[in-house]
Amino acid sequence: MTEAKAAPLPDLTRPGGGLLATLFRFQSLFGLVLVFIAAVVYSPSKNGELVFLDSGNLFNVVRSMSEIGILAVGMTLVILIGGIDLSVGSVLGLASVGSAVLLTGNDLGLVPAVLLVLVIGLGFGLLQGFAITSFGIQAFIVTLAGMQIARGLARIWSGGQGVSITYGDGPGQAPTTFSLLGERTFNGLVPIPALIFLVVAALAVVLLRVSAFSRHVYAIGGNEKAARLSGVPVKRVKIVVFGLCGLLAALAGIVHAGQLNFGGPNDGAMYELDAIAAVVIGGTSLMGGRGSVVGTVAGALLVGVLRNILGLNNVDSNVQLLVIGLVIVLAAGLQRLRPASVS
């Protein structure tokens, strides 16, 4: 009589078929849901209503993370190819100064000023990508230098001082249309910066889902040598990715200036770390080749919800930094445990 063999255990890490695989693939979304539920539970009340669930507060969460979110979308592309960009915060500062100076000091029209600032950000990113691919210098070193260069240019351009933006039709005044960046739409509910962030994220999701460019990005991040041997134009793709990251940093700088009616040479300091945090919490591997913009958006919103509920409960700002730091470590730890078979 033959002994019956036990049925094999299910492979929980198998893509598409396992619970563990699903948890890893959507870790940022699950994390956002859990943090959101915790925020509801611990939300203070006002007049019998939960302050956290107020529509104005929820949209403020998205607005507060809009600039970081735009930076994080560009950072996602860079990290997917196995790179890093430490200059985005400084480029944001340069763009905010440029917006303020061009609109008030040079009396440029709104469209020419915005386009010129975007071109500056795009050009800065392209130059960094060219330096990385042409001279074989690590992205960390090139963008660390770029961070200093952009900050220095911002200080030179502004004379070391912040530039206030006033609106009107007279000389030295910006077009009133630019002030819309600090306003809300849809019956005064949705902040314009939040809308810009979501549109940028949606376009990036489409780019990474339907284009040949996205396949090249993931291929380079997964195995650059194999991608090159397969005919992927590695150098060109890398330059374009850094260019897009610079472009989005400039866009974030424009949004920043429009929200604050001000452009300062020190604006955006340390924003690059917040952007990287959103990407890591969102599940994108720092080794490249694995991650998504959807995860990054969830990561940015998770950080925003955390900061909001801690602030509503009057938690000390230093403790807030501690909590967010622990969340980053947890997300990075999950990446280490993530099976290679989970995309």
Protein backbone atom coordinates (compact mmCIF):
# COMPACT_ATOMS: atom_id res chain seq x y z
CA MET A 1 0.00 0.00 0.00
CA THR A 2 1.57 3.24 -1.08
CA GLU A 3 1.79 6.14 1.33
CA ALA A 4 -0.25 9.15 0.32
CA LYS A 5 1.81 12.24 -0.38
CA ALA A 6 0.89 15.54 1.22
CA ALA A 7 -0.36 18.21 -1.13
CA PRO A 8 2.28 20.86 -1.85
CA LEU A 9 1.94 24.13 -0.01
CA PRO A 10 0.71 27.02 -2.16
CA ASP A 11 3.36 29.40 -3.39
CA LEU A 12 2.28 32.63 -1.71
CA THR A 13 4.90 34.65 -3.53
CA ARG A 14 3.79 33.62 -7.00
CA PRO A 15 2.75 36.75 -8.99
CA GLY A 16 -0.97 37.03 -9.43
CA GLY A 17 -1.79 33.99 -7.29
CA GLY A 18 -0.60 34.54 -3.76
CA LEU A 19 -1.66 36.61 -0.80
CA LEU A 20 1.91 37.58 0.06
CA ALA A 21 2.61 38.61 -3.52
CA THR A 22 -0.47 40.83 -3.50
CA LEU A 23 0.54 42.42 -0.20
CA PHE A 24 4.00 43.25 -1.50
CA ARG A 25 2.75 44.52 -4.84
CA PHE A 26 0.27 46.92 -3.26
CA GLN A 27 2.07 47.62 0.00
CA SER A 28 1.79 51.39 -0.34
CA LEU A 29 -1.96 51.25 -1.01
CA PHE A 30 -2.54 48.94 1.95
CA GLY A 31 -0.35 51.21 4.07
CA LEU A 32 -2.32 54.27 2.99
CA VAL A 33 -5.62 52.56 3.89
CA LEU A 34 -4.31 51.55 7.32
CA VAL A 35 -2.97 55.03 8.06
CA PHE A 36 -6.24 56.57 6.84
CA ILE A 37 -8.26 54.32 9.16
CA ALA A 38 -5.96 55.18 12.07
CA ALA A 39 -6.36 58.87 11.26
CA VAL A 40 -10.14 58.52 11.40
CA VAL A 41 -9.96 56.69 14.73
CA TYR A 42 -7.66 59.26 16.33
CA SER A 43 -9.12 62.36 14.70
CA PRO A 44 -10.18 65.14 17.07
CA SER A 45 -13.79 66.29 16.83
CA LYS A 46 -15.29 69.72 16.39
CA ASN A 47 -19.04 70.31 16.79
CA GLY A 48 -19.57 66.56 16.71
CA GLU A 49 -17.74 66.14 13.38
CA LEU A 50 -14.37 64.49 12.78
CA VAL A 51 -11.92 67.21 11.77
CA PHE A 52 -9.83 64.83 9.68
CA LEU A 53 -12.78 63.82 7.48
CA ASP A 54 -13.73 67.40 6.67
CA SER A 55 -13.51 67.77 2.89
CA GLY A 56 -11.44 70.92 3.21
CA ASN A 57 -8.93 69.12 5.42
CA LEU A 58 -8.67 66.11 3.09
CA PHE A 59 -7.97 68.32 0.09
CA ASN A 60 -5.45 70.25 2.18
CA VAL A 61 -3.59 66.97 2.66
CA VAL A 62 -3.27 66.60 -1.11
CA ARG A 63 -2.40 70.29 -1.54
CA SER A 64 0.33 70.11 1.11
CA MET A 65 1.95 67.20 -0.71
CA SER A 66 1.43 68.52 -4.25
CA GLU A 67 4.93 69.93 -4.72
CA ILE A 68 6.60 66.89 -3.13
CA GLY A 69 4.33 64.65 -5.18
CA ILE A 70 5.32 66.29 -8.46
CA LEU A 71 8.99 65.93 -7.50
CA ALA A 72 8.39 62.32 -6.49
CA VAL A 73 6.90 61.43 -9.88
CA GLY A 74 10.10 62.58 -11.57
CA MET A 75 12.19 60.86 -8.90
CA THR A 76 10.32 57.61 -9.56
CA LEU A 77 11.47 57.63 -13.18
CA VAL A 78 15.07 58.24 -12.11
CA ILE A 79 15.06 55.54 -9.44
CA LEU A 80 13.45 53.06 -11.85
CA ILE A 81 16.60 53.26 -14.00
CA GLY A 82 18.74 52.72 -10.91
CA GLY A 83 19.67 56.38 -10.47
CA ILE A 84 19.06 59.16 -7.97
CA ASP A 85 18.59 62.92 -8.29
CA LEU A 86 19.59 65.03 -5.30
CA SER A 87 19.18 68.32 -7.18
CA VAL A 88 15.38 68.48 -7.45
CA GLY A 89 14.88 70.61 -4.34
CA SER A 90 17.43 73.15 -5.53
CA VAL A 91 15.95 73.17 -9.04
CA LEU A 92 12.58 73.87 -7.42
CA GLY A 93 14.17 76.86 -5.66
CA LEU A 94 15.75 78.03 -8.91
CA ALA A 95 12.40 77.74 -10.69
CA SER A 96 10.53 79.61 -7.96
CA VAL A 97 13.07 82.46 -8.13
CA GLY A 98 12.93 82.42 -11.92
CA SER A 99 9.14 82.61 -11.90
CA ALA A 100 9.14 85.56 -9.50
CA VAL A 101 11.92 87.49 -11.27
CA LEU A 102 10.64 86.92 -14.80
CA LEU A 103 7.06 87.85 -13.92
CA THR A 104 7.86 90.94 -11.86
CA GLY A 105 11.33 92.09 -12.78
CA ASN A 106 11.39 91.40 -16.51
CA ASP A 107 7.71 92.06 -17.24
CA LEU A 108 7.43 88.91 -19.31
CA GLY A 109 3.99 87.60 -20.10
CA LEU A 110 2.71 84.61 -18.17
CA VAL A 111 3.15 82.02 -20.92
CA PRO A 112 6.71 83.05 -21.95
CA ALA A 113 7.84 83.18 -18.31
CA VAL A 114 6.41 79.77 -17.44
CA LEU A 115 7.79 78.17 -20.61
CA LEU A 116 11.24 79.66 -20.00
CA VAL A 117 11.32 78.32 -16.42
CA LEU A 118 10.25 74.87 -17.63
CA VAL A 119 12.96 74.93 -20.30
CA ILE A 120 15.53 75.84 -17.65
CA GLY A 121 14.49 72.86 -15.52
CA LEU A 122 14.45 70.54 -18.54
CA GLY A 123 17.87 71.76 -19.66
CA PHE A 124 19.36 71.37 -16.20
CA GLY A 125 18.15 67.77 -16.04
CA LEU A 126 19.37 66.98 -19.54
CA LEU A 127 22.82 68.34 -18.73
CA GLN A 128 23.01 66.18 -15.63
CA GLY A 129 21.94 63.13 -17.61
CA PHE A 130 24.54 63.91 -20.25
CA ALA A 131 27.28 64.24 -17.63
CA ILE A 132 26.29 60.93 -16.04
CA THR A 133 26.19 58.96 -19.28
CA SER A 134 29.09 60.62 -21.09
CA PHE A 135 31.67 60.77 -18.30
CA GLY A 136 30.64 57.68 -16.38
CA ILE A 137 30.20 59.59 -13.11
CA GLN A 138 27.71 58.22 -10.62
CA ALA A 139 24.34 59.96 -10.54
CA PHE A 140 24.76 60.59 -6.81
CA ILE A 141 27.90 62.68 -7.42
CA VAL A 142 26.60 64.56 -10.46
CA THR A 143 23.28 65.49 -8.87
CA LEU A 144 24.97 66.37 -5.57
CA ALA A 145 27.03 68.87 -7.56
CA GLY A 146 23.87 69.90 -9.42
CA MET A 147 22.17 70.60 -6.11
CA GLN A 148 24.91 73.10 -5.23
CA ILE A 149 24.98 74.64 -8.70
CA ALA A 150 21.20 75.17 -8.87
CA ARG A 151 21.15 76.68 -5.40
CA GLY A 152 24.01 79.01 -6.31
CA LEU A 153 22.29 80.09 -9.52
CA ALA A 154 19.10 80.82 -7.58
CA ARG A 155 20.99 83.03 -5.15
CA ILE A 156 22.80 84.87 -7.93
CA TRP A 157 19.57 85.40 -9.90
CA SER A 158 17.70 86.74 -6.86
CA GLY A 159 20.60 88.70 -5.41
CA GLY A 160 20.45 86.48 -2.35
CA GLN A 161 17.01 87.80 -1.43
CA GLY A 162 13.50 86.49 -1.74
CA VAL A 163 11.36 88.00 -4.50
CA SER A 164 7.75 88.85 -3.68
CA ILE A 165 5.10 88.55 -6.37
CA THR A 166 2.47 91.25 -6.58
CA TYR A 167 -0.35 91.18 -9.10
CA GLY A 168 -1.74 93.80 -11.43
CA ASP A 169 -1.29 95.44 -14.83
CA GLY A 170 1.46 97.88 -13.88
CA PRO A 171 5.23 97.55 -14.23
CA GLY A 172 6.81 95.10 -11.81
CA GLN A 173 3.53 93.26 -11.34
CA ALA A 174 2.70 89.72 -12.39
CA PRO A 175 -0.43 88.79 -14.37
CA THR A 176 -3.28 88.00 -12.00
CA THR A 177 -3.77 84.64 -13.75
CA PHE A 178 -0.65 83.35 -12.01
CA SER A 179 -2.35 83.80 -8.63
CA LEU A 180 -4.78 81.02 -9.56
CA LEU A 181 -2.11 78.54 -8.43
CA GLY A 182 -3.03 79.49 -4.89
CA GLU A 183 -6.76 79.15 -5.45
CA ARG A 184 -9.30 76.31 -5.47
CA THR A 185 -11.60 75.09 -8.22
CA PHE A 186 -14.80 73.00 -8.37
CA ASN A 187 -16.81 75.34 -6.13
CA GLY A 188 -13.81 76.26 -4.03
CA LEU A 189 -13.12 72.65 -3.01
CA VAL A 190 -10.12 71.30 -4.96
CA PRO A 191 -6.81 73.21 -4.68
CA ILE A 192 -5.25 73.92 -8.08
CA PRO A 193 -1.82 72.52 -6.98
CA ALA A 194 -3.49 69.25 -5.99
CA LEU A 195 -5.16 69.07 -9.39
CA ILE A 196 -1.83 69.68 -11.15
CA PHE A 197 -0.19 66.94 -9.07
CA LEU A 198 -2.90 64.41 -9.93
CA VAL A 199 -2.76 65.29 -13.65
CA VAL A 200 1.04 64.90 -13.68
CA ALA A 201 0.73 61.55 -11.90
CA ALA A 202 -1.95 60.35 -14.33
CA LEU A 203 0.17 61.28 -17.35
CA ALA A 204 3.17 59.46 -15.83
CA VAL A 205 1.06 56.36 -15.20
CA VAL A 206 -0.01 56.33 -18.83
CA LEU A 207 3.60 56.86 -19.97
CA LEU A 208 4.81 53.89 -17.92
CA ARG A 209 2.00 51.61 -19.07
CA VAL A 210 1.63 52.04 -22.80
CA SER A 211 4.90 53.34 -24.23
CA ALA A 212 8.03 51.61 -25.49
CA PHE A 213 9.93 54.17 -23.43
CA SER A 214 8.56 52.57 -20.24
CA ARG A 215 9.86 49.14 -21.27
CA HIS A 216 13.28 50.67 -21.79
CA VAL A 217 13.16 52.34 -18.36
CA TYR A 218 12.34 49.09 -16.57
CA ALA A 219 14.86 47.14 -18.64
CA ILE A 220 17.70 49.51 -17.75
CA GLY A 221 16.82 49.40 -14.08
CA GLY A 222 16.54 45.62 -14.10
CA ASN A 223 19.81 44.91 -15.89
CA GLU A 224 21.54 47.74 -17.71
CA LYS A 225 24.10 45.52 -19.44
CA ALA A 226 21.45 43.14 -20.74
CA ALA A 227 19.33 46.08 -21.88
CA ARG A 228 22.26 47.53 -23.82
CA LEU A 229 22.97 44.17 -25.48
CA SER A 230 19.28 43.93 -26.39
CA GLY A 231 19.49 47.17 -28.35
CA VAL A 232 17.98 49.54 -25.79
CA PRO A 233 19.39 53.08 -26.28
CA VAL A 234 20.56 53.25 -22.67
CA LYS A 235 22.36 56.59 -22.88
CA ARG A 236 19.48 58.37 -24.60
CA VAL A 237 16.86 56.97 -22.22
CA LYS A 238 18.86 58.01 -19.17
CA ILE A 239 19.32 61.55 -20.47
CA VAL A 240 15.60 61.83 -21.20
CA VAL A 241 14.68 60.52 -17.74
CA PHE A 242 16.88 63.08 -15.98
CA GLY A 243 15.48 65.75 -18.28
CA LEU A 244 11.92 64.84 -17.31
CA CYS A 245 12.89 64.90 -13.65
CA GLY A 246 14.32 68.41 -14.06
CA LEU A 247 11.21 69.50 -15.96
CA LEU A 248 8.93 68.31 -13.16
CA ALA A 249 11.14 69.97 -10.54
CA ALA A 250 10.73 73.25 -12.43
CA LEU A 251 6.95 72.72 -12.58
CA ALA A 252 6.94 72.16 -8.82
CA GLY A 253 8.88 75.41 -8.43
CA ILE A 254 6.29 77.30 -10.46
CA VAL A 255 3.51 75.84 -8.31
CA HIS A 256 5.50 76.76 -5.20
CA ALA A 257 5.89 80.38 -6.28
CA GLY A 258 2.21 80.61 -7.25
CA GLN A 259 1.05 79.25 -3.90
CA LEU A 260 3.24 81.51 -1.79
CA ASN A 261 3.34 84.56 -4.10
CA PHE A 262 7.06 84.46 -3.47
CA GLY A 263 10.25 82.99 -4.89
CA GLY A 264 13.19 82.42 -2.56
CA PRO A 265 16.68 81.07 -3.32
CA ASN A 266 16.44 78.71 -0.34
CA ASP A 267 13.03 77.32 -1.27
CA GLY A 268 12.85 73.57 -1.71
CA ALA A 269 15.67 72.80 0.73
CA MET A 270 15.57 69.10 1.68
CA TYR A 271 12.58 68.50 -0.59
CA GLU A 272 14.64 65.91 -2.44
CA LEU A 273 14.63 63.74 0.69
CA ASP A 274 10.85 63.97 1.02
CA ALA A 275 10.51 62.99 -2.64
CA ILE A 276 12.80 59.98 -2.18
CA ALA A 277 10.84 59.02 0.94
CA ALA A 278 7.56 59.05 -1.01
CA VAL A 279 9.10 56.86 -3.71
CA VAL A 280 10.52 54.35 -1.21
CA ILE A 281 7.32 54.18 0.83
CA GLY A 282 5.50 53.70 -2.48
CA GLY A 283 7.37 50.45 -3.05
CA THR A 284 9.84 51.44 -5.76
CA SER A 285 13.13 49.59 -5.36
CA LEU A 286 16.20 51.80 -4.95
CA MET A 287 18.05 49.18 -6.99
CA GLY A 288 15.87 50.07 -10.00
CA GLY A 289 13.66 48.11 -12.35
CA ARG A 290 10.70 47.72 -10.01
CA GLY A 291 8.06 50.19 -8.88
CA SER A 292 5.20 52.37 -10.07
CA VAL A 293 3.92 55.93 -10.06
CA VAL A 294 0.67 54.75 -8.44
CA GLY A 295 2.72 53.48 -5.51
CA THR A 296 4.58 56.79 -5.32
CA VAL A 297 1.32 58.75 -5.21
CA ALA A 298 0.10 56.48 -2.41
CA GLY A 299 3.42 56.95 -0.60
CA ALA A 300 3.20 60.73 -0.85
CA LEU A 301 -0.40 60.74 0.38
CA LEU A 302 0.52 58.37 3.23
CA VAL A 303 3.15 60.84 4.43
CA GLY A 304 0.67 63.69 4.01
CA VAL A 305 -2.03 61.91 6.03
CA LEU A 306 0.49 61.06 8.76
CA ARG A 307 1.65 64.66 9.05
CA ASN A 308 -1.90 65.94 9.03
CA ILE A 309 -3.28 63.69 11.77
CA LEU A 310 -0.20 64.17 13.94
CA GLY A 311 -0.57 67.92 13.50
CA LEU A 312 -4.30 67.82 14.31
CA ASN A 313 -3.41 66.05 17.56
CA ASN A 314 -0.74 68.66 18.35
CA VAL A 315 2.06 66.09 18.30
CA ASP A 316 5.48 67.71 18.63
CA SER A 317 7.12 68.34 15.25
CA ASN A 318 10.23 66.41 16.33
CA VAL A 319 8.09 63.38 17.14
CA GLN A 320 6.46 63.72 13.71
CA LEU A 321 9.89 63.44 12.09
CA LEU A 322 10.58 60.36 14.18
CA VAL A 323 7.34 58.66 13.14
CA ILE A 324 7.84 59.38 9.44
CA GLY A 325 11.44 58.17 9.67
CA LEU A 326 10.26 54.88 11.16
CA VAL A 327 7.74 54.50 8.34
CA ILE A 328 10.53 54.97 5.77
CA VAL A 329 12.66 52.31 7.49
CA LEU A 330 9.69 49.94 7.58
CA ALA A 331 9.02 50.47 3.86
CA ALA A 332 12.69 49.89 3.02
CA GLY A 333 12.68 46.75 5.16
CA LEU A 334 9.69 45.41 3.28
CA GLN A 335 11.60 45.96 0.05
CA ARG A 336 14.39 43.74 1.36
CA LEU A 337 11.89 40.98 2.15
CA ARG A 338 10.10 41.31 -1.17
CA PRO A 339 10.58 38.18 -3.34
CA ALA A 340 12.31 38.76 -6.66
CA SER A 341 9.35 37.16 -8.44
CA VAL A 342 7.02 39.95 -7.32
CA SER A 343 7.05 42.79 -9.86
